[in-house]
PDB file of N, CA and C in Angstrom:
ATOM      1  N   UNK A   1     -20.399 -17.684  -7.319  1.00  0.00           N
ATOM      2  CA  UNK A   1     -19.602 -17.078  -8.414  1.00  0.00           C
ATOM      3  C   UNK A   1     -18.163 -17.517  -8.283  1.00  0.00           C
ATOM      4  N   UNK A   2     -17.525 -17.627  -9.427  1.00  0.00           N
ATOM      5  CA  UNK A   2     -16.160 -18.006  -9.530  1.00  0.00           C
ATOM      6  C   UNK A   2     -15.277 -17.049  -8.674  1.00  0.00           C
ATOM      7  N   UNK A   3     -14.308 -17.554  -7.912  1.00  0.00           N
ATOM      8  CA  UNK A   3     -13.494 -16.674  -7.093  1.00  0.00           C
ATOM      9  C   UNK A   3     -12.579 -15.763  -7.857  1.00  0.00           C
ATOM     10  N   UNK A   4     -12.146 -16.230  -9.093  1.00  0.00           N
ATOM     11  CA  UNK A   4     -11.323 -15.354  -9.858  1.00  0.00           C
ATOM     12  C   UNK A   4     -12.089 -14.150 -10.395  1.00  0.00           C
ATOM     13  N   UNK A   5     -13.365 -14.453 -10.751  1.00  0.00           N
ATOM     14  CA  UNK A   5     -14.296 -13.405 -11.258  1.00  0.00           C
ATOM     15  C   UNK A   5     -14.536 -12.344 -10.161  1.00  0.00           C
ATOM     16  N   UNK A   6     -14.741 -12.797  -8.907  1.00  0.00           N
ATOM     17  CA  UNK A   6     -14.974 -11.924  -7.852  1.00  0.00           C
ATOM     18  C   UNK A   6     -13.655 -11.011  -7.545  1.00  0.00           C
ATOM     19  N   UNK A   7     -12.562 -11.665  -7.610  1.00  0.00           N
ATOM     20  CA  UNK A   7     -11.257 -10.867  -7.576  1.00  0.00           C
ATOM     21  C   UNK A   7     -11.190  -9.769  -8.591  1.00  0.00           C
ATOM     22  N   UNK A   8     -11.485 -10.082  -9.860  1.00  0.00           N
ATOM     23  CA  UNK A   8     -11.505  -9.169 -10.932  1.00  0.00           C
ATOM     24  C   UNK A   8     -12.484  -7.990 -10.706  1.00  0.00           C
ATOM     25  N   UNK A   9     -13.697  -8.376 -10.311  1.00  0.00           N
ATOM     26  CA  UNK A   9     -14.766  -7.483 -10.020  1.00  0.00           C
ATOM     27  C   UNK A   9     -14.316  -6.451  -8.863  1.00  0.00           C
ATOM     28  N   UNK A  10     -13.755  -7.025  -7.745  1.00  0.00           N
ATOM     29  CA  UNK A  10     -13.271  -6.191  -6.732  1.00  0.00           C
ATOM     30  C   UNK A  10     -12.143  -5.319  -7.153  1.00  0.00           C
ATOM     31  N   UNK A  11     -11.220  -5.813  -7.886  1.00  0.00           N
ATOM     32  CA  UNK A  11     -10.042  -4.902  -8.456  1.00  0.00           C
ATOM     33  C   UNK A  11     -10.622  -3.779  -9.383  1.00  0.00           C
ATOM     34  N   UNK A  12     -11.632  -4.180 -10.165  1.00  0.00           N
ATOM     35  CA  UNK A  12     -12.182  -3.070 -11.023  1.00  0.00           C
ATOM     36  C   UNK A  12     -12.853  -2.059 -10.253  1.00  0.00           C
ATOM     37  N   UNK A  13     -13.648  -2.508  -9.325  1.00  0.00           N
ATOM     38  CA  UNK A  13     -14.366  -1.473  -8.438  1.00  0.00           C
ATOM     39  C   UNK A  13     -13.352  -0.693  -7.652  1.00  0.00           C
ATOM     40  N   UNK A  14     -12.305  -1.256  -7.183  1.00  0.00           N
ATOM     41  CA  UNK A  14     -11.352  -0.434  -6.431  1.00  0.00           C
ATOM     42  C   UNK A  14     -10.625   0.453  -7.355  1.00  0.00           C
ATOM     43  N   UNK A  15     -10.295   0.218  -8.513  1.00  0.00           N
ATOM     44  CA  UNK A  15      -9.554   1.095  -9.499  1.00  0.00           C
ATOM     45  C   UNK A  15     -10.616   2.274  -9.757  1.00  0.00           C
ATOM     46  N   UNK A  16     -11.841   1.978 -10.080  1.00  0.00           N
ATOM     47  CA  UNK A  16     -12.718   3.037 -10.377  1.00  0.00           C
ATOM     48  C   UNK A  16     -13.063   3.933  -9.198  1.00  0.00           C
ATOM     49  N   UNK A  17     -13.097   3.408  -7.997  1.00  0.00           N
ATOM     50  CA  UNK A  17     -13.294   4.247  -6.805  1.00  0.00           C
ATOM     51  C   UNK A  17     -12.097   5.117  -6.642  1.00  0.00           C
ATOM     52  N   UNK A  18     -10.903   4.678  -6.802  1.00  0.00           N
ATOM     53  CA  UNK A  18      -9.773   5.463  -6.629  1.00  0.00           C
ATOM     54  C   UNK A  18      -9.708   6.648  -7.680  1.00  0.00           C
ATOM     55  N   UNK A  19     -10.169   6.355  -8.938  1.00  0.00           N
ATOM     56  CA  UNK A  19     -10.345   7.496  -9.806  1.00  0.00           C
ATOM     57  C   UNK A  19     -11.363   8.503  -9.392  1.00  0.00           C
ATOM     58  N   UNK A  20     -12.495   8.041  -8.897  1.00  0.00           N
ATOM     59  CA  UNK A  20     -13.549   8.867  -8.409  1.00  0.00           C
ATOM     60  C   UNK A  20     -13.000   9.753  -7.242  1.00  0.00           C
ATOM     61  N   UNK A  21     -12.359   9.111  -6.246  1.00  0.00           N
ATOM     62  CA  UNK A  21     -11.774   9.812  -5.132  1.00  0.00           C
ATOM     63  C   UNK A  21     -10.782  10.879  -5.556  1.00  0.00           C
ATOM     64  N   UNK A  22     -10.022  10.561  -6.615  1.00  0.00           N
ATOM     65  CA  UNK A  22      -8.974  11.501  -7.174  1.00  0.00           C
ATOM     66  C   UNK A  22      -9.623  12.673  -7.793  1.00  0.00           C
ATOM     67  N   UNK A  23     -10.591  12.404  -8.668  1.00  0.00           N
ATOM     68  CA  UNK A  23     -11.123  13.462  -9.578  1.00  0.00           C
ATOM     69  C   UNK A  23     -12.536  13.865  -9.326  1.00  0.00           C
ATOM     70  N   UNK A  24     -13.379  13.040  -8.787  1.00  0.00           N
ATOM     71  CA  UNK A  24     -14.779  13.247  -8.857  1.00  0.00           C
ATOM     72  C   UNK A  24     -15.502  13.777  -7.653  1.00  0.00           C
ATOM     73  N   UNK A  25     -14.867  13.833  -6.476  1.00  0.00           N
ATOM     74  CA  UNK A  25     -15.554  14.355  -5.270  1.00  0.00           C
ATOM     75  C   UNK A  25     -15.141  15.798  -5.081  1.00  0.00           C
ATOM     76  N   UNK A  26     -16.069  16.652  -5.326  1.00  0.00           N
ATOM     77  CA  UNK A  26     -15.793  18.115  -5.190  1.00  0.00           C
ATOM     78  C   UNK A  26     -16.284  18.739  -3.945  1.00  0.00           C
ATOM     79  N   UNK A  27     -16.398  17.957  -2.961  1.00  0.00           N
ATOM     80  CA  UNK A  27     -16.850  18.436  -1.638  1.00  0.00           C
ATOM     81  C   UNK A  27     -15.716  19.157  -0.896  1.00  0.00           C
ATOM     82  N   UNK A  28     -15.977  20.300  -0.385  1.00  0.00           N
ATOM     83  CA  UNK A  28     -14.936  21.042   0.302  1.00  0.00           C
ATOM     84  C   UNK A  28     -14.371  20.370   1.573  1.00  0.00           C
ATOM     85  N   UNK A  29     -15.216  19.433   2.079  1.00  0.00           N
ATOM     86  CA  UNK A  29     -14.729  18.711   3.329  1.00  0.00           C
ATOM     87  C   UNK A  29     -13.618  17.722   2.975  1.00  0.00           C
ATOM     88  N   UNK A  30     -13.519  17.401   1.710  1.00  0.00           N
ATOM     89  CA  UNK A  30     -12.484  16.418   1.239  1.00  0.00           C
ATOM     90  C   UNK A  30     -11.237  17.172   0.965  1.00  0.00           C
ATOM     91  N   UNK A  31     -10.469  17.502   2.045  1.00  0.00           N
ATOM     92  CA  UNK A  31      -9.253  18.264   1.894  1.00  0.00           C
ATOM     93  C   UNK A  31      -8.035  17.316   1.863  1.00  0.00           C
ATOM     94  N   UNK A  32      -8.113  16.167   2.458  1.00  0.00           N
ATOM     95  CA  UNK A  32      -7.054  15.252   2.525  1.00  0.00           C
ATOM     96  C   UNK A  32      -7.160  14.156   1.328  1.00  0.00           C
ATOM     97  N   UNK A  33      -5.996  13.574   1.163  1.00  0.00           N
ATOM     98  CA  UNK A  33      -5.935  12.531   0.031  1.00  0.00           C
ATOM     99  C   UNK A  33      -6.607  11.318   0.589  1.00  0.00           C
ATOM    100  N   UNK A  34      -7.496  10.675  -0.173  1.00  0.00           N
ATOM    101  CA  UNK A  34      -8.201   9.466   0.194  1.00  0.00           C
ATOM    102  C   UNK A  34      -7.803   8.459  -0.860  1.00  0.00           C
ATOM    103  N   UNK A  35      -7.647   7.180  -0.416  1.00  0.00           N
ATOM    104  CA  UNK A  35      -7.454   6.067  -1.440  1.00  0.00           C
ATOM    105  C   UNK A  35      -8.150   4.760  -0.788  1.00  0.00           C
ATOM    106  N   UNK A  36      -8.548   3.952  -1.772  1.00  0.00           N
ATOM    107  CA  UNK A  36      -9.214   2.757  -1.402  1.00  0.00           C
ATOM    108  C   UNK A  36      -8.106   1.581  -1.203  1.00  0.00           C
ATOM    109  N   UNK A  37      -8.031   1.029  -0.004  1.00  0.00           N
ATOM    110  CA  UNK A  37      -7.121  -0.067   0.257  1.00  0.00           C
ATOM    111  C   UNK A  37      -7.595  -1.470  -0.194  1.00  0.00           C
ATOM    112  N   UNK A  38      -8.867  -1.637   0.039  1.00  0.00           N
ATOM    113  CA  UNK A  38      -9.417  -3.023  -0.216  1.00  0.00           C
ATOM    114  C   UNK A  38     -10.940  -2.863  -0.414  1.00  0.00           C
ATOM    115  N   UNK A  39     -11.484  -3.838  -1.285  1.00  0.00           N
ATOM    116  CA  UNK A  39     -12.863  -3.833  -1.616  1.00  0.00           C
ATOM    117  C   UNK A  39     -13.320  -5.356  -1.413  1.00  0.00           C
ATOM    118  N   UNK A  40     -14.468  -5.494  -0.712  1.00  0.00           N
ATOM    119  CA  UNK A  40     -14.977  -6.861  -0.522  1.00  0.00           C
ATOM    120  C   UNK A  40     -16.510  -6.846  -0.969  1.00  0.00           C
ATOM    121  N   UNK A  41     -16.797  -7.432  -2.055  1.00  0.00           N
ATOM    122  CA  UNK A  41     -18.125  -7.470  -2.663  1.00  0.00           C
ATOM    123  C   UNK A  41     -18.804  -8.901  -2.411  1.00  0.00           C
ATOM    124  N   UNK A  42     -19.989  -8.828  -2.055  1.00  0.00           N
ATOM    125  CA  UNK A  42     -20.771 -10.122  -1.847  1.00  0.00           C
ATOM    126  C   UNK A  42     -20.883 -10.832  -3.204  1.00  0.00           C
ATOM    127  N   UNK A  43     -21.044 -12.184  -3.148  1.00  0.00           N
ATOM    128  CA  UNK A  43     -21.167 -12.891  -4.420  1.00  0.00           C
ATOM    129  C   UNK A  43     -22.410 -12.515  -5.290  1.00  0.00           C
ATOM    130  N   UNK A  44     -23.450 -12.030  -4.581  1.00  0.00           N
ATOM    131  CA  UNK A  44     -24.644 -11.608  -5.336  1.00  0.00           C
ATOM    132  C   UNK A  44     -24.509 -10.209  -5.894  1.00  0.00           C
ATOM    133  N   UNK A  45     -23.437  -9.528  -5.564  1.00  0.00           N
ATOM    134  CA  UNK A  45     -23.098  -8.125  -6.029  1.00  0.00           C
ATOM    135  C   UNK A  45     -24.174  -7.100  -5.409  1.00  0.00           C
ATOM    136  N   UNK A  46     -24.718  -7.350  -4.328  1.00  0.00           N
ATOM    137  CA  UNK A  46     -25.688  -6.457  -3.662  1.00  0.00           C
ATOM    138  C   UNK A  46     -25.048  -5.460  -2.761  1.00  0.00           C
ATOM    139  N   UNK A  47     -23.938  -5.929  -2.145  1.00  0.00           N
ATOM    140  CA  UNK A  47     -23.206  -5.088  -1.106  1.00  0.00           C
ATOM    141  C   UNK A  47     -21.813  -5.121  -1.278  1.00  0.00           C
ATOM    142  N   UNK A  48     -21.201  -3.945  -0.954  1.00  0.00           N
ATOM    143  CA  UNK A  48     -19.697  -3.925  -1.133  1.00  0.00           C
ATOM    144  C   UNK A  48     -19.128  -3.116  -0.007  1.00  0.00           C
ATOM    145  N   UNK A  49     -18.099  -3.677   0.694  1.00  0.00           N
ATOM    146  CA  UNK A  49     -17.454  -2.977   1.853  1.00  0.00           C
ATOM    147  C   UNK A  49     -16.237  -2.321   1.166  1.00  0.00           C
ATOM    148  N   UNK A  50     -16.001  -1.090   1.416  1.00  0.00           N
ATOM    149  CA  UNK A  50     -14.869  -0.375   0.849  1.00  0.00           C
ATOM    150  C   UNK A  50     -14.063   0.220   2.024  1.00  0.00           C
ATOM    151  N   UNK A  51     -12.762  -0.369   2.091  1.00  0.00           N
ATOM    152  CA  UNK A  51     -11.882   0.187   3.147  1.00  0.00           C
ATOM    153  C   UNK A  51     -11.044   1.332   2.593  1.00  0.00           C
ATOM    154  N   UNK A  52     -11.248   2.481   3.286  1.00  0.00           N
ATOM    155  CA  UNK A  52     -10.704   3.711   2.821  1.00  0.00           C
ATOM    156  C   UNK A  52      -9.657   4.250   3.790  1.00  0.00           C
ATOM    157  N   UNK A  53      -8.539   4.702   3.198  1.00  0.00           N
ATOM    158  CA  UNK A  53      -7.500   5.333   4.006  1.00  0.00           C
ATOM    159  C   UNK A  53      -7.467   6.802   3.637  1.00  0.00           C
ATOM    160  N   UNK A  54      -7.572   7.670   4.683  1.00  0.00           N
ATOM    161  CA  UNK A  54      -7.481   9.166   4.478  1.00  0.00           C
ATOM    162  C   UNK A  54      -6.265   9.663   5.255  1.00  0.00           C
ATOM    163  N   UNK A  55      -5.384  10.401   4.495  1.00  0.00           N
ATOM    164  CA  UNK A  55      -4.238  10.955   5.156  1.00  0.00           C
ATOM    165  C   UNK A  55      -4.583  12.264   5.940  1.00  0.00           C
ATOM    166  N   UNK A  56      -3.966  12.462   6.959  1.00  0.00           N
ATOM    167  CA  UNK A  56      -4.283  13.703   7.789  1.00  0.00           C
ATOM    168  C   UNK A  56      -4.573  13.363   9.211  1.00  0.00           C
ATOM    169  N   UNK A  57      -4.935  14.424   9.952  1.00  0.00           N
ATOM    170  CA  UNK A  57      -5.317  14.231  11.373  1.00  0.00           C
ATOM    171  C   UNK A  57      -6.727  13.638  11.479  1.00  0.00           C
ATOM    172  N   UNK A  58      -7.133  13.450  12.752  1.00  0.00           N
ATOM    173  CA  UNK A  58      -8.404  12.899  13.030  1.00  0.00           C
ATOM    174  C   UNK A  58      -9.540  13.736  12.413  1.00  0.00           C
ATOM    175  N   UNK A  59      -9.411  15.013  12.482  1.00  0.00           N
ATOM    176  CA  UNK A  59     -10.458  15.874  11.939  1.00  0.00           C
ATOM    177  C   UNK A  59     -10.600  15.730  10.459  1.00  0.00           C
ATOM    178  N   UNK A  60      -9.430  15.729   9.805  1.00  0.00           N
ATOM    179  CA  UNK A  60      -9.403  15.555   8.321  1.00  0.00           C
ATOM    180  C   UNK A  60     -10.021  14.235   7.961  1.00  0.00           C
ATOM    181  N   UNK A  61      -9.781  13.237   8.677  1.00  0.00           N
ATOM    182  CA  UNK A  61     -10.361  11.865   8.402  1.00  0.00           C
ATOM    183  C   UNK A  61     -11.902  11.923   8.610  1.00  0.00           C
ATOM    184  N   UNK A  62     -12.341  12.499   9.647  1.00  0.00           N
ATOM    185  CA  UNK A  62     -13.756  12.545   9.956  1.00  0.00           C
ATOM    186  C   UNK A  62     -14.514  13.329   8.868  1.00  0.00           C
ATOM    187  N   UNK A  63     -13.999  14.520   8.517  1.00  0.00           N
ATOM    188  CA  UNK A  63     -14.513  15.281   7.427  1.00  0.00           C
ATOM    189  C   UNK A  63     -14.503  14.608   6.059  1.00  0.00           C
ATOM    190  N   UNK A  64     -13.419  13.889   5.765  1.00  0.00           N
ATOM    191  CA  UNK A  64     -13.320  13.197   4.564  1.00  0.00           C
ATOM    192  C   UNK A  64     -14.312  12.053   4.471  1.00  0.00           C
ATOM    193  N   UNK A  65     -14.573  11.283   5.590  1.00  0.00           N
ATOM    194  CA  UNK A  65     -15.580  10.216   5.661  1.00  0.00           C
ATOM    195  C   UNK A  65     -16.961  10.889   5.426  1.00  0.00           C
ATOM    196  N   UNK A  66     -17.205  12.032   6.019  1.00  0.00           N
ATOM    197  CA  UNK A  66     -18.508  12.722   5.856  1.00  0.00           C
ATOM    198  C   UNK A  66     -18.768  13.044   4.345  1.00  0.00           C
ATOM    199  N   UNK A  67     -17.707  13.530   3.729  1.00  0.00           N
ATOM    200  CA  UNK A  67     -17.751  13.886   2.339  1.00  0.00           C
ATOM    201  C   UNK A  67     -17.995  12.604   1.482  1.00  0.00           C
ATOM    202  N   UNK A  68     -17.407  11.557   1.722  1.00  0.00           N
ATOM    203  CA  UNK A  68     -17.575  10.345   1.045  1.00  0.00           C
ATOM    204  C   UNK A  68     -19.017   9.776   1.270  1.00  0.00           C
ATOM    205  N   UNK A  69     -19.456   9.859   2.554  1.00  0.00           N
ATOM    206  CA  UNK A  69     -20.851   9.358   2.764  1.00  0.00           C
ATOM    207  C   UNK A  69     -21.888  10.234   2.057  1.00  0.00           C
ATOM    208  N   UNK A  70     -21.686  11.569   2.037  1.00  0.00           N
ATOM    209  CA  UNK A  70     -22.638  12.398   1.305  1.00  0.00           C
ATOM    210  C   UNK A  70     -22.591  12.233  -0.200  1.00  0.00           C
ATOM    211  N   UNK A  71     -21.454  11.726  -0.735  1.00  0.00           N
ATOM    212  CA  UNK A  71     -21.331  11.454  -2.227  1.00  0.00           C
ATOM    213  C   UNK A  71     -21.593  10.063  -2.666  1.00  0.00           C
ATOM    214  N   UNK A  72     -22.265   9.260  -1.705  1.00  0.00           N
ATOM    215  CA  UNK A  72     -22.465   7.837  -2.003  1.00  0.00           C
ATOM    216  C   UNK A  72     -23.293   7.723  -3.349  1.00  0.00           C
ATOM    217  N   UNK A  73     -24.312   8.472  -3.487  1.00  0.00           N
ATOM    218  CA  UNK A  73     -25.138   8.337  -4.691  1.00  0.00           C
ATOM    219  C   UNK A  73     -24.359   8.610  -5.998  1.00  0.00           C
ATOM    220  N   UNK A  74     -23.573   9.729  -5.910  1.00  0.00           N
ATOM    221  CA  UNK A  74     -22.795  10.073  -7.026  1.00  0.00           C
ATOM    222  C   UNK A  74     -21.706   8.930  -7.313  1.00  0.00           C
ATOM    223  N   UNK A  75     -21.110   8.391  -6.259  1.00  0.00           N
ATOM    224  CA  UNK A  75     -20.250   7.388  -6.505  1.00  0.00           C
ATOM    225  C   UNK A  75     -20.811   6.110  -7.120  1.00  0.00           C
ATOM    226  N   UNK A  76     -22.014   5.724  -6.622  1.00  0.00           N
ATOM    227  CA  UNK A  76     -22.642   4.526  -7.107  1.00  0.00           C
ATOM    228  C   UNK A  76     -23.030   4.744  -8.526  1.00  0.00           C
ATOM    229  N   UNK A  77     -23.520   5.899  -8.912  1.00  0.00           N
ATOM    230  CA  UNK A  77     -23.860   6.209 -10.271  1.00  0.00           C
ATOM    231  C   UNK A  77     -22.693   6.126 -11.235  1.00  0.00           C
ATOM    232  N   UNK A  78     -21.548   6.660 -10.857  1.00  0.00           N
ATOM    233  CA  UNK A  78     -20.380   6.601 -11.623  1.00  0.00           C
ATOM    234  C   UNK A  78     -19.901   5.203 -11.772  1.00  0.00           C
ATOM    235  N   UNK A  79     -20.003   4.353 -10.796  1.00  0.00           N
ATOM    236  CA  UNK A  79     -19.543   2.997 -10.923  1.00  0.00           C
ATOM    237  C   UNK A  79     -20.504   2.214 -11.871  1.00  0.00           C
ATOM    238  N   UNK A  80     -21.799   2.570 -11.789  1.00  0.00           N
ATOM    239  CA  UNK A  80     -22.779   1.866 -12.616  1.00  0.00           C
ATOM    240  C   UNK A  80     -22.551   2.250 -14.109  1.00  0.00           C
ATOM    241  N   UNK A  81     -22.104   3.410 -14.392  1.00  0.00           N
ATOM    242  CA  UNK A  81     -21.817   3.866 -15.747  1.00  0.00           C
ATOM    243  C   UNK A  81     -20.393   3.312 -16.258  1.00  0.00           C
ATOM    244  N   UNK A  82     -19.460   3.125 -15.356  1.00  0.00           N
ATOM    245  CA  UNK A  82     -18.158   2.739 -15.786  1.00  0.00           C
ATOM    246  C   UNK A  82     -17.921   1.195 -15.825  1.00  0.00           C
ATOM    247  N   UNK A  83     -18.606   0.487 -15.013  1.00  0.00           N
ATOM    248  CA  UNK A  83     -18.474  -0.923 -14.902  1.00  0.00           C
ATOM    249  C   UNK A  83     -19.736  -1.715 -15.278  1.00  0.00           C
ATOM    250  N   UNK A  84     -19.660  -2.617 -16.271  1.00  0.00           N
ATOM    251  CA  UNK A  84     -20.864  -3.226 -16.784  1.00  0.00           C
ATOM    252  C   UNK A  84     -21.134  -4.482 -15.745  1.00  0.00           C
ATOM    253  N   UNK A  85     -21.997  -4.220 -14.831  1.00  0.00           N
ATOM    254  CA  UNK A  85     -22.441  -5.279 -13.805  1.00  0.00           C
ATOM    255  C   UNK A  85     -23.929  -5.499 -13.967  1.00  0.00           C
ATOM    256  N   UNK A  86     -24.399  -6.691 -13.695  1.00  0.00           N
ATOM    257  CA  UNK A  86     -25.943  -6.876 -13.580  1.00  0.00           C
ATOM    258  C   UNK A  86     -26.478  -5.906 -12.651  1.00  0.00           C
ATOM    259  N   UNK A  87     -25.862  -5.728 -11.437  1.00  0.00           N
ATOM    260  CA  UNK A  87     -26.390  -4.906 -10.349  1.00  0.00           C
ATOM    261  C   UNK A  87     -25.220  -4.190  -9.787  1.00  0.00           C
ATOM    262  N   UNK A  88     -25.479  -2.897  -9.504  1.00  0.00           N
ATOM    263  CA  UNK A  88     -24.412  -2.094  -8.851  1.00  0.00           C
ATOM    264  C   UNK A  88     -24.640  -2.279  -7.427  1.00  0.00           C
ATOM    265  N   UNK A  89     -23.494  -2.629  -6.656  1.00  0.00           N
ATOM    266  CA  UNK A  89     -23.636  -2.810  -5.239  1.00  0.00           C
ATOM    267  C   UNK A  89     -23.935  -1.558  -4.445  1.00  0.00           C
ATOM    268  N   UNK A  90     -24.463  -1.783  -3.196  1.00  0.00           N
ATOM    269  CA  UNK A  90     -24.610  -0.720  -2.218  1.00  0.00           C
ATOM    270  C   UNK A  90     -23.338  -0.730  -1.460  1.00  0.00           C
ATOM    271  N   UNK A  91     -22.780   0.498  -1.370  1.00  0.00           N
ATOM    272  CA  UNK A  91     -21.486   0.656  -0.828  1.00  0.00           C
ATOM    273  C   UNK A  91     -21.445   1.052   0.655  1.00  0.00           C
ATOM    274  N   UNK A  92     -20.661   0.374   1.514  1.00  0.00           N
ATOM    275  CA  UNK A  92     -20.479   0.771   2.862  1.00  0.00           C
ATOM    276  C   UNK A  92     -18.975   1.170   3.010  1.00  0.00           C
ATOM    277  N   UNK A  93     -18.735   2.387   3.358  1.00  0.00           N
ATOM    278  CA  UNK A  93     -17.295   2.920   3.479  1.00  0.00           C
ATOM    279  C   UNK A  93     -16.839   2.833   4.846  1.00  0.00           C
ATOM    280  N   UNK A  94     -15.656   2.175   5.052  1.00  0.00           N
ATOM    281  CA  UNK A  94     -15.105   1.976   6.382  1.00  0.00           C
ATOM    282  C   UNK A  94     -13.675   2.624   6.404  1.00  0.00           C
ATOM    283  N   UNK A  95     -13.451   3.443   7.355  1.00  0.00           N
ATOM    284  CA  UNK A  95     -12.212   4.036   7.564  1.00  0.00           C
ATOM    285  C   UNK A  95     -11.129   3.013   8.078  1.00  0.00           C
ATOM    286  N   UNK A  96     -10.063   2.866   7.265  1.00  0.00           N
ATOM    287  CA  UNK A  96      -8.997   1.905   7.627  1.00  0.00           C
ATOM    288  C   UNK A  96      -7.761   2.649   8.069  1.00  0.00           C
ATOM    289  N   UNK A  97      -7.403   2.480   9.292  1.00  0.00           N
ATOM    290  CA  UNK A  97      -6.239   3.223   9.872  1.00  0.00           C
ATOM    291  C   UNK A  97      -5.050   2.346   9.899  1.00  0.00           C
ATOM    292  N   UNK A  98      -4.926   1.249   9.090  1.00  0.00           N
ATOM    293  CA  UNK A  98      -3.788   0.328   9.094  1.00  0.00           C
ATOM    294  C   UNK A  98      -2.550   0.995   8.580  1.00  0.00           C
ATOM    295  N   UNK A  99      -2.627   1.942   7.608  1.00  0.00           N
ATOM    296  CA  UNK A  99      -1.391   2.659   7.159  1.00  0.00           C
ATOM    297  C   UNK A  99      -0.771   3.445   8.323  1.00  0.00           C
ATOM    298  N   UNK A 100      -1.686   4.215   9.011  1.00  0.00           N
ATOM    299  CA  UNK A 100      -1.200   5.008  10.144  1.00  0.00           C
ATOM    300  C   UNK A 100      -0.585   4.244  11.276  1.00  0.00           C
ATOM    301  N   UNK A 101      -1.162   3.033  11.508  1.00  0.00           N
ATOM    302  CA  UNK A 101      -0.645   2.127  12.477  1.00  0.00           C
ATOM    303  C   UNK A 101       0.749   1.537  12.085  1.00  0.00           C
ATOM    304  N   UNK A 102       0.877   1.272  10.806  1.00  0.00           N
ATOM    305  CA  UNK A 102       2.139   0.833  10.255  1.00  0.00           C
ATOM    306  C   UNK A 102       3.279   1.964  10.373  1.00  0.00           C
ATOM    307  N   UNK A 103       2.893   3.196  10.149  1.00  0.00           N
ATOM    308  CA  UNK A 103       3.804   4.323  10.255  1.00  0.00           C
ATOM    309  C   UNK A 103       4.282   4.470  11.651  1.00  0.00           C
ATOM    310  N   UNK A 104       3.381   4.353  12.642  1.00  0.00           N
ATOM    311  CA  UNK A 104       3.681   4.486  14.071  1.00  0.00           C
ATOM    312  C   UNK A 104       4.659   3.285  14.478  1.00  0.00           C
ATOM    313  N   UNK A 105       4.348   2.119  14.018  1.00  0.00           N
ATOM    314  CA  UNK A 105       5.151   1.004  14.358  1.00  0.00           C
ATOM    315  C   UNK A 105       6.699   1.258  13.713  1.00  0.00           C
ATOM    316  N   UNK A 106       6.698   1.785  12.555  1.00  0.00           N
ATOM    317  CA  UNK A 106       7.978   2.173  11.851  1.00  0.00           C
ATOM    318  C   UNK A 106       8.770   3.111  12.711  1.00  0.00           C
ATOM    319  N   UNK A 107       8.047   4.126  13.211  1.00  0.00           N
ATOM    320  CA  UNK A 107       8.789   5.202  14.026  1.00  0.00           C
ATOM    321  C   UNK A 107       9.236   4.646  15.243  1.00  0.00           C
ATOM    322  N   UNK A 108       8.488   3.683  15.911  1.00  0.00           N
ATOM    323  CA  UNK A 108       8.962   3.054  17.103  1.00  0.00           C
ATOM    324  C   UNK A 108      10.130   2.240  16.905  1.00  0.00           C
ATOM    325  N   UNK A 109      10.163   1.484  15.791  1.00  0.00           N
ATOM    326  CA  UNK A 109      11.335   0.627  15.511  1.00  0.00           C
ATOM    327  C   UNK A 109      12.518   1.506  15.229  1.00  0.00           C
ATOM    328  N   UNK A 110      12.350   2.635  14.537  1.00  0.00           N
ATOM    329  CA  UNK A 110      13.497   3.520  14.308  1.00  0.00           C
ATOM    330  C   UNK A 110      14.022   4.106  15.560  1.00  0.00           C
ATOM    331  N   UNK A 111      13.186   4.498  16.506  1.00  0.00           N
ATOM    332  CA  UNK A 111      13.569   4.985  17.767  1.00  0.00           C
ATOM    333  C   UNK A 111      14.416   3.896  18.601  1.00  0.00           C
ATOM    334  N   UNK A 112      14.009   2.664  18.505  1.00  0.00           N
ATOM    335  CA  UNK A 112      14.597   1.640  19.224  1.00  0.00           C
ATOM    336  C   UNK A 112      16.041   1.385  18.660  1.00  0.00           C
ATOM    337  N   UNK A 113      16.108   1.382  17.325  1.00  0.00           N
ATOM    338  CA  UNK A 113      17.413   1.132  16.630  1.00  0.00           C
ATOM    339  C   UNK A 113      18.469   2.243  16.855  1.00  0.00           C
ATOM    340  N   UNK A 114      18.022   3.348  17.383  1.00  0.00           N
ATOM    341  CA  UNK A 114      18.961   4.428  17.494  1.00  0.00           C
ATOM    342  C   UNK A 114      19.736   4.453  18.677  1.00  0.00           C
TER     343      UNK A 114
END
């Protein structure tokens, strides 16, 4: 599949997932804000890795991931209705702590500069 097309598909899936995370997950475990940082879809559109960032402490992150995992069917159904693809991929959600890591590095650098 054309690389530009895969980039467009990944971007479209990422935008739709962010909308779903913002408006569509009504699970009480989802108390923290979640956002999709990156999406990697296989060229055959069968599988999709979704890197998710959840703000909050470790417990909020764990509960947020549990809520996302339990809503997988709902998420896949919404993606199938909103994006016209031959096949809707199977999603694997991965917690991405890179933003937290970046904030910690920023705090360390601020303390060093003082």
